[in-house]
Amino acid sequence: MASLRRLYREMIAYFGVDDLEIPLTAVKIFTMGDEIPPVVEENHLTEITLTSCQALRQAALGDAVLLAIDNIGCVAAAITFGLVDAYSVVPLKGPRVYTSIMQSQSALRESFTPPTPRDFTDGTVYACKSSRKPEFCLFGTGDTGRFKDAATARAAISDMLAIQPPTTRGVFFYPPDFQDLPFAPDVITMSVRPVELTRLIQGYQFNTGKRVTASVGGLRAVNSDLIVRPYLTQEINFTPYCLGARVIAENPPDRMGIGMPFNTFRVLVKGLKDSYGGFPFHLYPGSGAIVRS
């Protein structure tokens, strides 16, 4: 929508430096009772699958994507977004980005059966070595898994917020300059350098006085930490990204993610404007700034 474009431009302007770019993706979650507009459906790719971290990054680069159960490339993200029941014992149909990596390193190859959502939820996938499921590994025979055992994995998963039971029809990722839409985004995410994260938090605090408390994990950083957690809690969260965001989506090493509800984004941008004279971003080491005259 137009206000998103305007807010993004205002945000960049209130950093006060030339040539600054902060990749931003807007996210809209459509529930089962929602009608998805044709302009959104046009971005529903069915010939390929994408993980949520890939979709997020592609949207920030200008390519909008609608993810649904038929084209989401990560089973864990399908669980987080509420596209599938977390305890389903039926694998998602067709090849998926994440499980295709498993298959490519597995000795089973043609006889490989993808893990079910329940295999993710009960910790089997993330504790593939301890669970004696080498076909669920990602990095060959030396793969330790993501956790030492299934119990530890379940403990970690219990803190990964998810929309469960499943109520979601689709998740739309789009850039700030996307055409006008008849709805506002639910969540705004940005890929920022630490120096930019500093200024964003200062802008948010200026009018609110509220601290930002991050809930950080090593997995599901995009779908759970950046999107669903802000969506459900209505609070800001940030993350240093995770395995998939780094290895699959190839986010740059100097970037972190921050996510927030759209209304909070409005508050943050106003805070950047109101505090403009008190936080000279161009003096922050590493800002790479060319100061505007």
Protein backbone atom coordinates (compact mmCIF):
# COMPACT_ATOMS: atom_id res chain seq x y z
CA MET A 1 0.00 0.00 0.00
CA ALA A 2 1.06 3.62 -0.53
CA SER A 3 1.72 4.25 3.15
CA LEU A 4 4.29 1.46 3.22
CA ARG A 5 6.21 3.06 0.36
CA ARG A 6 6.06 6.41 2.08
CA LEU A 7 7.12 5.04 5.44
CA TYR A 8 10.05 3.20 3.91
CA ARG A 9 11.28 6.35 2.16
CA GLU A 10 10.85 8.37 5.34
CA MET A 11 12.78 5.79 7.33
CA ILE A 12 15.72 5.94 4.93
CA ALA A 13 15.61 9.73 4.90
CA TYR A 14 15.78 9.92 8.70
CA PHE A 15 19.06 8.02 8.76
CA GLY A 16 20.42 11.18 7.16
CA VAL A 17 22.97 9.67 4.79
CA ASP A 18 23.14 9.22 1.03
CA ASP A 19 22.88 5.92 -0.82
CA LEU A 20 21.68 3.94 2.20
CA GLU A 21 19.71 0.80 1.37
CA ILE A 22 17.97 -1.38 3.94
CA PRO A 23 16.30 -4.47 2.45
CA LEU A 24 12.69 -4.54 3.67
CA THR A 25 10.00 -7.17 3.18
CA ALA A 26 6.34 -6.81 4.10
CA VAL A 27 4.47 -9.98 5.11
CA LYS A 28 0.73 -10.65 5.00
CA ILE A 29 -0.72 -13.84 6.48
CA PHE A 30 -3.98 -14.98 4.88
CA THR A 31 -6.15 -17.25 7.00
CA MET A 32 -8.53 -19.89 5.70
CA GLY A 33 -11.44 -17.47 5.75
CA ASP A 34 -9.64 -14.76 3.77
CA GLU A 35 -10.01 -14.08 0.07
CA ILE A 36 -6.64 -13.72 -1.62
CA PRO A 37 -6.72 -10.88 -4.18
CA PRO A 38 -5.81 -11.77 -7.80
CA VAL A 39 -2.79 -9.45 -7.70
CA VAL A 40 -1.42 -11.59 -4.88
CA GLU A 41 -2.31 -14.90 -6.53
CA GLU A 42 -0.28 -13.81 -9.56
CA ASN A 43 2.81 -14.27 -7.39
CA HIS A 44 1.95 -17.85 -6.42
CA LEU A 45 4.74 -19.82 -8.08
CA THR A 46 4.01 -23.51 -8.52
CA GLU A 47 6.90 -24.63 -10.72
CA ILE A 48 9.42 -24.27 -7.88
CA THR A 49 9.44 -24.33 -4.09
CA LEU A 50 11.02 -21.70 -1.88
CA THR A 51 11.93 -21.65 1.78
CA SER A 52 10.59 -18.74 3.81
CA CYS A 53 14.09 -17.28 4.10
CA GLN A 54 14.47 -17.40 0.31
CA ALA A 55 11.07 -15.77 -0.18
CA LEU A 56 11.91 -13.06 2.34
CA ARG A 57 15.17 -12.20 0.63
CA GLN A 58 13.70 -12.33 -2.89
CA ALA A 59 10.90 -9.99 -1.88
CA ALA A 60 13.40 -7.52 -0.44
CA LEU A 61 15.12 -7.59 -3.83
CA GLY A 62 11.81 -6.79 -5.57
CA ASP A 63 10.23 -10.18 -6.35
CA ALA A 64 6.97 -10.76 -4.47
CA VAL A 65 6.11 -14.35 -3.52
CA LEU A 66 2.98 -16.05 -2.18
CA LEU A 67 3.84 -19.21 -0.26
CA ALA A 68 1.18 -21.87 0.27
CA ILE A 69 1.24 -25.55 1.14
CA ASP A 70 2.03 -26.54 -2.46
CA ASN A 71 5.14 -24.38 -2.92
CA ILE A 72 6.73 -23.86 0.48
CA GLY A 73 10.19 -25.40 0.43
CA CYS A 74 10.63 -25.96 4.16
CA VAL A 75 8.48 -28.30 6.25
CA ALA A 76 9.42 -26.46 9.45
CA ALA A 77 8.18 -23.16 7.97
CA ALA A 78 4.94 -24.84 6.88
CA ILE A 79 4.44 -25.82 10.52
CA THR A 80 5.36 -22.37 11.84
CA PHE A 81 3.04 -20.53 9.47
CA GLY A 82 0.14 -22.86 10.20
CA LEU A 83 -0.03 -24.30 6.70
CA VAL A 84 0.14 -27.87 8.01
CA ASP A 85 -0.57 -29.66 11.27
CA ALA A 86 2.60 -29.97 13.35
CA TYR A 87 1.80 -33.61 14.12
CA SER A 88 0.82 -34.77 10.64
CA VAL A 89 2.35 -38.14 9.77
CA VAL A 90 2.06 -37.52 6.02
CA PRO A 91 5.10 -36.04 4.20
CA LEU A 92 4.49 -32.96 2.08
CA LYS A 93 4.02 -34.00 -1.54
CA GLY A 94 6.72 -33.41 -4.13
CA PRO A 95 10.30 -32.20 -3.81
CA ARG A 96 10.99 -29.41 -1.32
CA VAL A 97 14.18 -27.38 -1.04
CA TYR A 98 15.02 -28.50 2.49
CA THR A 99 14.21 -32.19 2.11
CA SER A 100 15.87 -32.32 -1.31
CA ILE A 101 19.14 -31.43 0.44
CA MET A 102 18.56 -34.39 2.74
CA GLN A 103 17.92 -36.70 -0.19
CA SER A 104 21.02 -35.56 -2.07
CA GLN A 105 23.33 -36.54 0.82
CA SER A 106 21.45 -39.69 1.77
CA ALA A 107 22.62 -43.15 0.77
CA LEU A 108 18.97 -44.02 0.14
CA ARG A 109 18.61 -41.62 -2.81
CA GLU A 110 15.71 -43.05 -4.87
CA SER A 111 14.13 -44.84 -1.91
CA PHE A 112 14.34 -41.75 0.30
CA THR A 113 11.11 -40.88 2.12
CA PRO A 114 10.92 -37.26 3.30
CA PRO A 115 10.34 -36.58 6.99
CA THR A 116 6.81 -35.80 8.10
CA PRO A 117 5.82 -32.69 10.04
CA ARG A 118 5.69 -34.92 13.13
CA ASP A 119 9.33 -35.92 12.53
CA PHE A 120 10.22 -32.24 12.84
CA THR A 121 8.00 -31.63 15.85
CA ASP A 122 9.16 -34.64 17.89
CA GLY A 123 12.82 -33.72 17.40
CA THR A 124 13.78 -36.61 15.11
CA VAL A 125 14.92 -34.42 12.21
CA TYR A 126 16.94 -31.98 14.29
CA ALA A 127 18.54 -34.82 16.25
CA CYS A 128 19.15 -36.97 13.18
CA LYS A 129 22.41 -38.47 14.46
CA SER A 130 21.09 -39.34 17.92
CA SER A 131 17.84 -40.61 16.38
CA ARG A 132 19.81 -42.81 13.97
CA LYS A 133 18.20 -41.23 10.97
CA PRO A 134 21.18 -40.42 8.72
CA GLU A 135 18.82 -39.83 5.79
CA PHE A 136 17.56 -36.73 7.63
CA CYS A 137 21.05 -35.21 7.88
CA LEU A 138 22.09 -32.28 5.74
CA PHE A 139 25.87 -32.50 5.65
CA GLY A 140 26.80 -36.15 5.19
CA THR A 141 28.26 -38.63 7.62
CA GLY A 142 29.88 -35.99 9.82
CA ASP A 143 26.61 -34.19 10.51
CA THR A 144 25.95 -33.97 14.26
CA GLY A 145 22.37 -32.85 13.73
CA ARG A 146 21.14 -29.54 15.12
CA PHE A 147 20.75 -30.80 18.70
CA LYS A 148 22.42 -33.54 20.74
CA ASP A 149 19.21 -35.57 21.12
CA ALA A 150 15.48 -35.46 20.47
CA ALA A 151 14.63 -34.28 23.98
CA THR A 152 16.89 -31.25 23.61
CA ALA A 153 15.42 -30.58 20.17
CA ARG A 154 11.87 -30.70 21.56
CA ALA A 155 12.84 -28.25 24.30
CA ALA A 156 14.13 -25.82 21.69
CA ILE A 157 11.12 -26.35 19.41
CA SER A 158 8.74 -25.57 22.27
CA ASP A 159 10.04 -21.98 22.21
CA MET A 160 9.68 -21.62 18.43
CA LEU A 161 6.32 -19.87 18.15
CA ALA A 162 3.97 -21.29 15.53
CA ILE A 163 0.41 -20.80 14.31
CA GLN A 164 -1.02 -24.10 15.51
CA PRO A 165 -3.51 -25.68 14.99
CA PRO A 166 -3.10 -24.72 11.31
CA THR A 167 -5.36 -21.88 10.12
CA THR A 168 -3.30 -20.32 7.33
CA ARG A 169 -4.06 -20.33 3.62
CA GLY A 170 -1.04 -18.42 2.34
CA VAL A 171 1.80 -16.09 3.33
CA PHE A 172 2.58 -13.17 1.01
CA PHE A 173 6.05 -11.61 0.91
CA TYR A 174 6.37 -8.32 -0.97
CA PRO A 175 8.67 -5.28 -1.31
CA PRO A 176 7.78 -1.74 -0.17
CA ASP A 177 7.30 -0.50 -3.75
CA PHE A 178 4.75 -3.20 -4.65
CA GLN A 179 1.57 -1.81 -6.19
CA ASP A 180 -1.24 -0.52 -4.00
CA LEU A 181 -2.99 -3.28 -2.09
CA PRO A 182 -6.37 -3.42 -0.32
CA PHE A 183 -4.75 -4.46 2.95
CA ALA A 184 -1.91 -3.54 5.29
CA PRO A 185 0.93 -5.97 5.99
CA ASP A 186 0.90 -7.87 9.25
CA VAL A 187 4.65 -7.81 9.78
CA ILE A 188 7.60 -5.78 8.51
CA THR A 189 11.03 -7.40 8.36
CA MET A 190 14.36 -5.82 7.53
CA SER A 191 17.85 -7.16 6.90
CA VAL A 192 20.15 -4.76 8.70
CA ARG A 193 23.74 -4.24 9.66
CA PRO A 194 24.34 -4.03 13.43
CA VAL A 195 25.02 -0.30 13.11
CA GLU A 196 21.58 0.18 11.50
CA LEU A 197 19.93 -1.99 14.14
CA THR A 198 21.34 0.37 16.76
CA ARG A 199 19.66 3.38 15.17
CA LEU A 200 16.35 1.58 14.64
CA ILE A 201 16.11 0.64 18.31
CA GLN A 202 17.02 4.20 19.30
CA GLY A 203 14.23 5.49 17.08
CA TYR A 204 11.72 3.07 18.58
CA GLN A 205 12.71 3.97 22.14
CA PHE A 206 12.63 7.73 21.65
CA ASN A 207 8.84 8.06 22.00
CA THR A 208 8.05 4.79 23.75
CA GLY A 209 10.82 4.35 26.30
CA LYS A 210 10.41 0.60 25.76
CA ARG A 211 13.34 -1.78 25.60
CA VAL A 212 13.48 -4.48 22.94
CA THR A 213 13.88 -7.98 24.31
CA ALA A 214 14.96 -10.45 21.65
CA SER A 215 14.10 -14.15 21.64
CA VAL A 216 16.84 -15.78 19.59
CA GLY A 217 17.35 -19.32 18.39
CA GLY A 218 19.62 -21.05 15.90
CA LEU A 219 16.81 -22.41 13.72
CA ARG A 220 13.58 -21.07 12.18
CA ALA A 221 14.89 -17.52 12.48
CA VAL A 222 12.88 -16.13 9.58
CA ASN A 223 9.55 -17.93 9.82
CA SER A 224 9.30 -18.11 13.62
CA ASP A 225 11.55 -15.39 15.08
CA LEU A 226 11.09 -12.64 12.47
CA ILE A 227 7.50 -13.22 11.31
CA VAL A 228 5.31 -15.37 13.55
CA ARG A 229 6.69 -14.17 16.89
CA PRO A 230 5.99 -10.48 16.09
CA TYR A 231 2.66 -11.52 14.54
CA LEU A 232 1.51 -13.35 17.68
CA THR A 233 3.14 -11.24 20.41
CA GLN A 234 2.84 -7.84 18.67
CA GLU A 235 6.40 -7.08 19.75
CA ILE A 236 9.68 -6.39 17.94
CA ASN A 237 12.14 -9.25 17.64
CA PHE A 238 15.54 -9.56 16.02
CA THR A 239 17.87 -12.40 15.14
CA PRO A 240 21.40 -13.08 13.84
CA TYR A 241 19.65 -15.42 11.35
CA CYS A 242 19.93 -19.20 11.27
CA LEU A 243 21.31 -22.12 9.30
CA GLY A 244 18.77 -21.92 6.48
CA ALA A 245 18.91 -18.13 6.24
CA ARG A 246 22.70 -18.30 5.92
CA VAL A 247 23.28 -21.45 3.86
CA ILE A 248 20.12 -21.66 1.73
CA ALA A 249 19.08 -18.01 1.38
CA GLU A 250 22.71 -16.84 1.56
CA ASN A 251 22.14 -13.74 3.65
CA PRO A 252 25.36 -11.69 3.83
CA PRO A 253 27.60 -12.11 6.89
CA ASP A 254 27.16 -8.51 8.03
CA ARG A 255 23.35 -8.67 8.15
CA MET A 256 20.87 -9.44 10.94
CA GLY A 257 17.10 -9.62 10.79
CA ILE A 258 14.55 -7.49 12.63
CA GLY A 259 10.79 -8.05 12.51
CA MET A 260 7.87 -6.08 13.91
CA PRO A 261 4.13 -5.54 13.52
CA PHE A 262 3.23 -2.94 10.90
CA ASN A 263 1.81 -0.52 13.48
CA THR A 264 5.07 -0.74 15.41
CA PHE A 265 6.92 0.12 12.20
CA ARG A 266 4.88 3.32 12.03
CA VAL A 267 5.90 4.16 15.60
CA LEU A 268 9.54 3.42 14.83
CA VAL A 269 9.64 5.66 11.75
CA LYS A 270 8.07 8.53 13.68
CA GLY A 271 10.69 7.99 16.39
CA LEU A 272 13.48 8.18 13.81
CA LYS A 273 12.06 11.50 12.62
CA ASP A 274 11.54 12.96 16.09
CA SER A 275 15.01 11.92 17.31
CA TYR A 276 16.84 12.88 14.11
CA GLY A 277 18.96 15.60 15.74
CA GLY A 278 19.92 13.51 18.75
CA PHE A 279 21.46 10.47 17.08
CA PRO A 280 23.94 11.47 14.31
CA PHE A 281 24.02 8.18 12.44
CA HIS A 282 26.70 9.45 10.07
CA LEU A 283 29.13 9.56 13.02
CA TYR A 284 28.60 5.90 13.90
CA PRO A 285 31.69 3.89 12.89
CA GLY A 286 30.83 1.63 9.98
CA SER A 287 27.80 3.62 8.84
CA GLY A 288 29.54 4.15 5.49
CA ALA A 289 27.81 7.46 5.34
CA ILE A 290 27.99 10.30 2.87
CA VAL A 291 26.39 13.09 4.86
CA ARG A 292 23.64 15.05 3.16
CA SER A 293 24.19 18.78 2.87
